[in-house]
Amino acid sequence: MKQEILVDGRGLEPPEPMEKVLAAVDLLRPGQHIRFLIHREPFPLYGLLENMGYRHRTHMLGDGCFEIRIEPRADGGP
């Protein structure tokens, strides 16, 4: 089983990037994480992830896009 699920939302129009990443969250299995690539920072996604029991780490790539790593919170939140 792959440890990483890649979701590339760069260049897609809303709400498609959000739909794609939330569909991937539903597929996550223990030990997996999502690497989400997008051309703008998805601020609305962060609250949704928190409420669903996931954490994220965001950093900007050299081309100005964002990479967000999404994984379940260790405490099993929400």
N, C-alpha and C. Protein backbone atom coordinates (compact mmCIF):
# COMPACT_ATOMS: atom_id res chain seq x y z
N MET A 1 0.84 -1.18 0.00
CA MET A 1 0.00 0.00 0.00
C MET A 1 0.89 1.24 0.00
N LYS A 2 0.55 2.21 -0.83
CA LYS A 2 1.28 3.46 -0.89
C LYS A 2 1.05 4.25 0.39
N GLN A 3 2.10 4.88 0.89
CA GLN A 3 1.99 5.69 2.10
C GLN A 3 1.45 7.08 1.82
N GLU A 4 1.60 7.53 0.56
CA GLU A 4 1.21 8.89 0.21
C GLU A 4 0.15 8.86 -0.88
N ILE A 5 -0.89 9.68 -0.69
CA ILE A 5 -1.88 9.91 -1.73
C ILE A 5 -1.62 11.32 -2.24
N LEU A 6 -1.33 11.44 -3.53
CA LEU A 6 -1.06 12.73 -4.13
C LEU A 6 -2.34 13.28 -4.74
N VAL A 7 -2.68 14.50 -4.36
CA VAL A 7 -3.82 15.21 -4.95
C VAL A 7 -3.27 16.51 -5.54
N ASP A 8 -3.36 16.63 -6.86
CA ASP A 8 -2.84 17.81 -7.54
C ASP A 8 -4.02 18.68 -7.96
N GLY A 9 -4.23 19.77 -7.22
CA GLY A 9 -5.32 20.69 -7.52
C GLY A 9 -4.87 21.94 -8.22
N ARG A 10 -3.61 21.98 -8.65
CA ARG A 10 -3.08 23.19 -9.30
C ARG A 10 -3.81 23.46 -10.60
N GLY A 11 -4.24 24.71 -10.75
CA GLY A 11 -4.87 25.13 -11.99
C GLY A 11 -6.35 24.77 -12.09
N LEU A 12 -6.89 24.05 -11.14
CA LEU A 12 -8.31 23.70 -11.18
C LEU A 12 -9.13 24.84 -10.59
N GLU A 13 -10.34 24.99 -11.07
CA GLU A 13 -11.24 26.02 -10.57
C GLU A 13 -12.03 25.50 -9.37
N PRO A 14 -12.30 26.38 -8.40
CA PRO A 14 -13.12 25.98 -7.26
C PRO A 14 -14.50 25.53 -7.74
N PRO A 15 -15.07 24.55 -7.12
CA PRO A 15 -14.66 23.88 -5.89
C PRO A 15 -13.91 22.57 -6.13
N GLU A 16 -13.45 22.33 -7.36
CA GLU A 16 -12.84 21.05 -7.70
C GLU A 16 -11.65 20.67 -6.81
N PRO A 17 -10.69 21.57 -6.52
CA PRO A 17 -9.59 21.15 -5.64
C PRO A 17 -10.08 20.67 -4.27
N MET A 18 -11.05 21.39 -3.69
CA MET A 18 -11.59 21.02 -2.39
C MET A 18 -12.29 19.67 -2.47
N GLU A 19 -13.06 19.46 -3.51
CA GLU A 19 -13.77 18.18 -3.69
C GLU A 19 -12.78 17.03 -3.81
N LYS A 20 -11.71 17.24 -4.59
CA LYS A 20 -10.72 16.18 -4.79
C LYS A 20 -10.00 15.83 -3.49
N VAL A 21 -9.60 16.83 -2.72
CA VAL A 21 -8.84 16.53 -1.51
C VAL A 21 -9.75 15.92 -0.44
N LEU A 22 -11.00 16.36 -0.34
CA LEU A 22 -11.90 15.76 0.64
C LEU A 22 -12.25 14.33 0.27
N ALA A 23 -12.34 14.02 -1.02
CA ALA A 23 -12.55 12.64 -1.45
C ALA A 23 -11.35 11.78 -1.07
N ALA A 24 -10.15 12.33 -1.19
CA ALA A 24 -8.94 11.59 -0.82
C ALA A 24 -8.89 11.35 0.69
N VAL A 25 -9.34 12.32 1.49
CA VAL A 25 -9.37 12.15 2.95
C VAL A 25 -10.21 10.92 3.30
N ASP A 26 -11.31 10.73 2.59
CA ASP A 26 -12.17 9.56 2.84
C ASP A 26 -11.47 8.24 2.54
N LEU A 27 -10.44 8.27 1.71
CA LEU A 27 -9.71 7.05 1.32
C LEU A 27 -8.52 6.74 2.22
N LEU A 28 -8.15 7.68 3.10
CA LEU A 28 -6.96 7.48 3.94
C LEU A 28 -7.10 6.25 4.83
N ARG A 29 -6.03 5.50 4.90
CA ARG A 29 -5.95 4.33 5.77
C ARG A 29 -4.84 4.57 6.78
N PRO A 30 -4.79 3.81 7.86
CA PRO A 30 -3.73 4.00 8.86
C PRO A 30 -2.35 3.99 8.21
N GLY A 31 -1.54 4.95 8.61
CA GLY A 31 -0.17 5.05 8.10
C GLY A 31 -0.04 5.86 6.82
N GLN A 32 -1.14 6.29 6.23
CA GLN A 32 -1.09 7.07 5.01
C GLN A 32 -1.24 8.56 5.31
N HIS A 33 -0.82 9.38 4.34
CA HIS A 33 -1.03 10.82 4.39
C HIS A 33 -1.32 11.31 2.98
N ILE A 34 -1.83 12.52 2.90
CA ILE A 34 -2.12 13.16 1.61
C ILE A 34 -1.10 14.27 1.39
N ARG A 35 -0.61 14.37 0.17
CA ARG A 35 0.20 15.52 -0.26
C ARG A 35 -0.66 16.26 -1.28
N PHE A 36 -1.14 17.42 -0.89
CA PHE A 36 -2.06 18.22 -1.69
C PHE A 36 -1.31 19.40 -2.28
N LEU A 37 -1.29 19.51 -3.59
CA LEU A 37 -0.64 20.61 -4.30
C LEU A 37 -1.72 21.53 -4.85
N ILE A 38 -1.57 22.83 -4.61
CA ILE A 38 -2.58 23.78 -5.08
C ILE A 38 -1.92 25.13 -5.34
N HIS A 39 -2.52 25.89 -6.24
CA HIS A 39 -1.93 27.15 -6.69
C HIS A 39 -2.25 28.33 -5.78
N ARG A 40 -3.12 28.17 -4.80
CA ARG A 40 -3.37 29.22 -3.80
C ARG A 40 -3.64 28.55 -2.47
N GLU A 41 -3.37 29.27 -1.40
CA GLU A 41 -3.52 28.65 -0.08
C GLU A 41 -5.01 28.45 0.23
N PRO A 42 -5.40 27.23 0.56
CA PRO A 42 -6.82 26.90 0.74
C PRO A 42 -7.29 27.11 2.18
N PHE A 43 -7.39 28.35 2.61
CA PHE A 43 -7.75 28.64 4.00
C PHE A 43 -9.03 27.95 4.47
N PRO A 44 -10.11 27.88 3.66
CA PRO A 44 -11.33 27.20 4.14
C PRO A 44 -11.11 25.71 4.47
N LEU A 45 -10.14 25.10 3.82
CA LEU A 45 -9.87 23.68 4.06
C LEU A 45 -9.36 23.42 5.47
N TYR A 46 -8.60 24.33 6.03
CA TYR A 46 -7.96 24.09 7.32
C TYR A 46 -8.97 23.84 8.44
N GLY A 47 -10.03 24.63 8.51
CA GLY A 47 -11.05 24.43 9.53
C GLY A 47 -11.79 23.11 9.34
N LEU A 48 -12.06 22.76 8.10
CA LEU A 48 -12.72 21.48 7.82
C LEU A 48 -11.86 20.31 8.31
N LEU A 49 -10.58 20.37 7.99
CA LEU A 49 -9.68 19.29 8.41
C LEU A 49 -9.64 19.18 9.93
N GLU A 50 -9.55 20.30 10.61
CA GLU A 50 -9.52 20.31 12.06
C GLU A 50 -10.78 19.65 12.63
N ASN A 51 -11.92 20.03 12.10
CA ASN A 51 -13.19 19.47 12.58
C ASN A 51 -13.33 17.98 12.28
N MET A 52 -12.64 17.51 11.25
CA MET A 52 -12.71 16.10 10.86
C MET A 52 -11.65 15.25 11.58
N GLY A 53 -10.78 15.88 12.37
CA GLY A 53 -9.78 15.12 13.11
C GLY A 53 -8.46 14.95 12.38
N TYR A 54 -8.14 15.88 11.48
CA TYR A 54 -6.89 15.82 10.73
C TYR A 54 -6.04 17.04 11.04
N ARG A 55 -4.74 16.87 10.87
CA ARG A 55 -3.82 17.99 10.99
C ARG A 55 -3.19 18.23 9.63
N HIS A 56 -2.62 19.40 9.47
CA HIS A 56 -1.98 19.73 8.20
C HIS A 56 -0.71 20.55 8.46
N ARG A 57 0.18 20.47 7.50
CA ARG A 57 1.38 21.32 7.47
C ARG A 57 1.45 21.88 6.06
N THR A 58 1.62 23.19 5.99
CA THR A 58 1.62 23.88 4.70
C THR A 58 2.96 24.56 4.48
N HIS A 59 3.47 24.46 3.27
CA HIS A 59 4.61 25.30 2.91
C HIS A 59 4.52 25.69 1.44
N MET A 60 5.08 26.85 1.14
CA MET A 60 5.08 27.35 -0.22
C MET A 60 6.24 26.76 -1.00
N LEU A 61 5.95 26.35 -2.21
CA LEU A 61 6.98 25.82 -3.10
C LEU A 61 7.64 26.96 -3.87
N GLY A 62 8.74 26.68 -4.48
CA GLY A 62 9.49 27.68 -5.21
C GLY A 62 8.73 28.34 -6.34
N ASP A 63 7.73 27.64 -6.88
CA ASP A 63 6.95 28.21 -7.99
C ASP A 63 5.74 29.01 -7.51
N GLY A 64 5.60 29.19 -6.18
CA GLY A 64 4.49 29.96 -5.63
C GLY A 64 3.27 29.13 -5.29
N CYS A 65 3.29 27.86 -5.63
CA CYS A 65 2.20 26.96 -5.27
C CYS A 65 2.39 26.51 -3.82
N PHE A 66 1.39 25.85 -3.29
CA PHE A 66 1.44 25.37 -1.92
C PHE A 66 1.38 23.85 -1.88
N GLU A 67 2.11 23.29 -0.92
CA GLU A 67 2.07 21.86 -0.66
C GLU A 67 1.54 21.69 0.76
N ILE A 68 0.47 20.92 0.89
CA ILE A 68 -0.14 20.69 2.20
C ILE A 68 -0.10 19.20 2.48
N ARG A 69 0.50 18.84 3.61
CA ARG A 69 0.52 17.44 4.05
C ARG A 69 -0.61 17.27 5.06
N ILE A 70 -1.47 16.30 4.80
CA ILE A 70 -2.64 16.05 5.62
C ILE A 70 -2.55 14.65 6.18
N GLU A 71 -2.77 14.53 7.50
CA GLU A 71 -2.75 13.22 8.14
C GLU A 71 -3.65 13.26 9.37
N PRO A 72 -4.09 12.09 9.84
CA PRO A 72 -4.92 12.06 11.04
C PRO A 72 -4.16 12.61 12.24
N ARG A 73 -4.88 13.30 13.13
CA ARG A 73 -4.25 13.76 14.36
C ARG A 73 -3.95 12.56 15.23
N ALA A 74 -2.85 12.64 15.95
CA ALA A 74 -2.41 11.53 16.81
C ALA A 74 -3.44 11.24 17.90
N ASP A 75 -4.17 12.28 18.35
CA ASP A 75 -5.13 12.07 19.43
C ASP A 75 -6.46 11.54 18.93
N GLY A 76 -6.55 11.35 17.59
CA GLY A 76 -7.77 10.81 17.01
C GLY A 76 -8.91 11.80 16.96
N GLY A 77 -8.66 13.10 17.28
CA GLY A 77 -9.65 14.18 17.31
C GLY A 77 -10.91 13.84 16.56
N PRO A 78 -11.84 14.61 16.44
CA PRO A 78 -11.88 16.06 16.45
C PRO A 78 -11.95 16.57 17.78
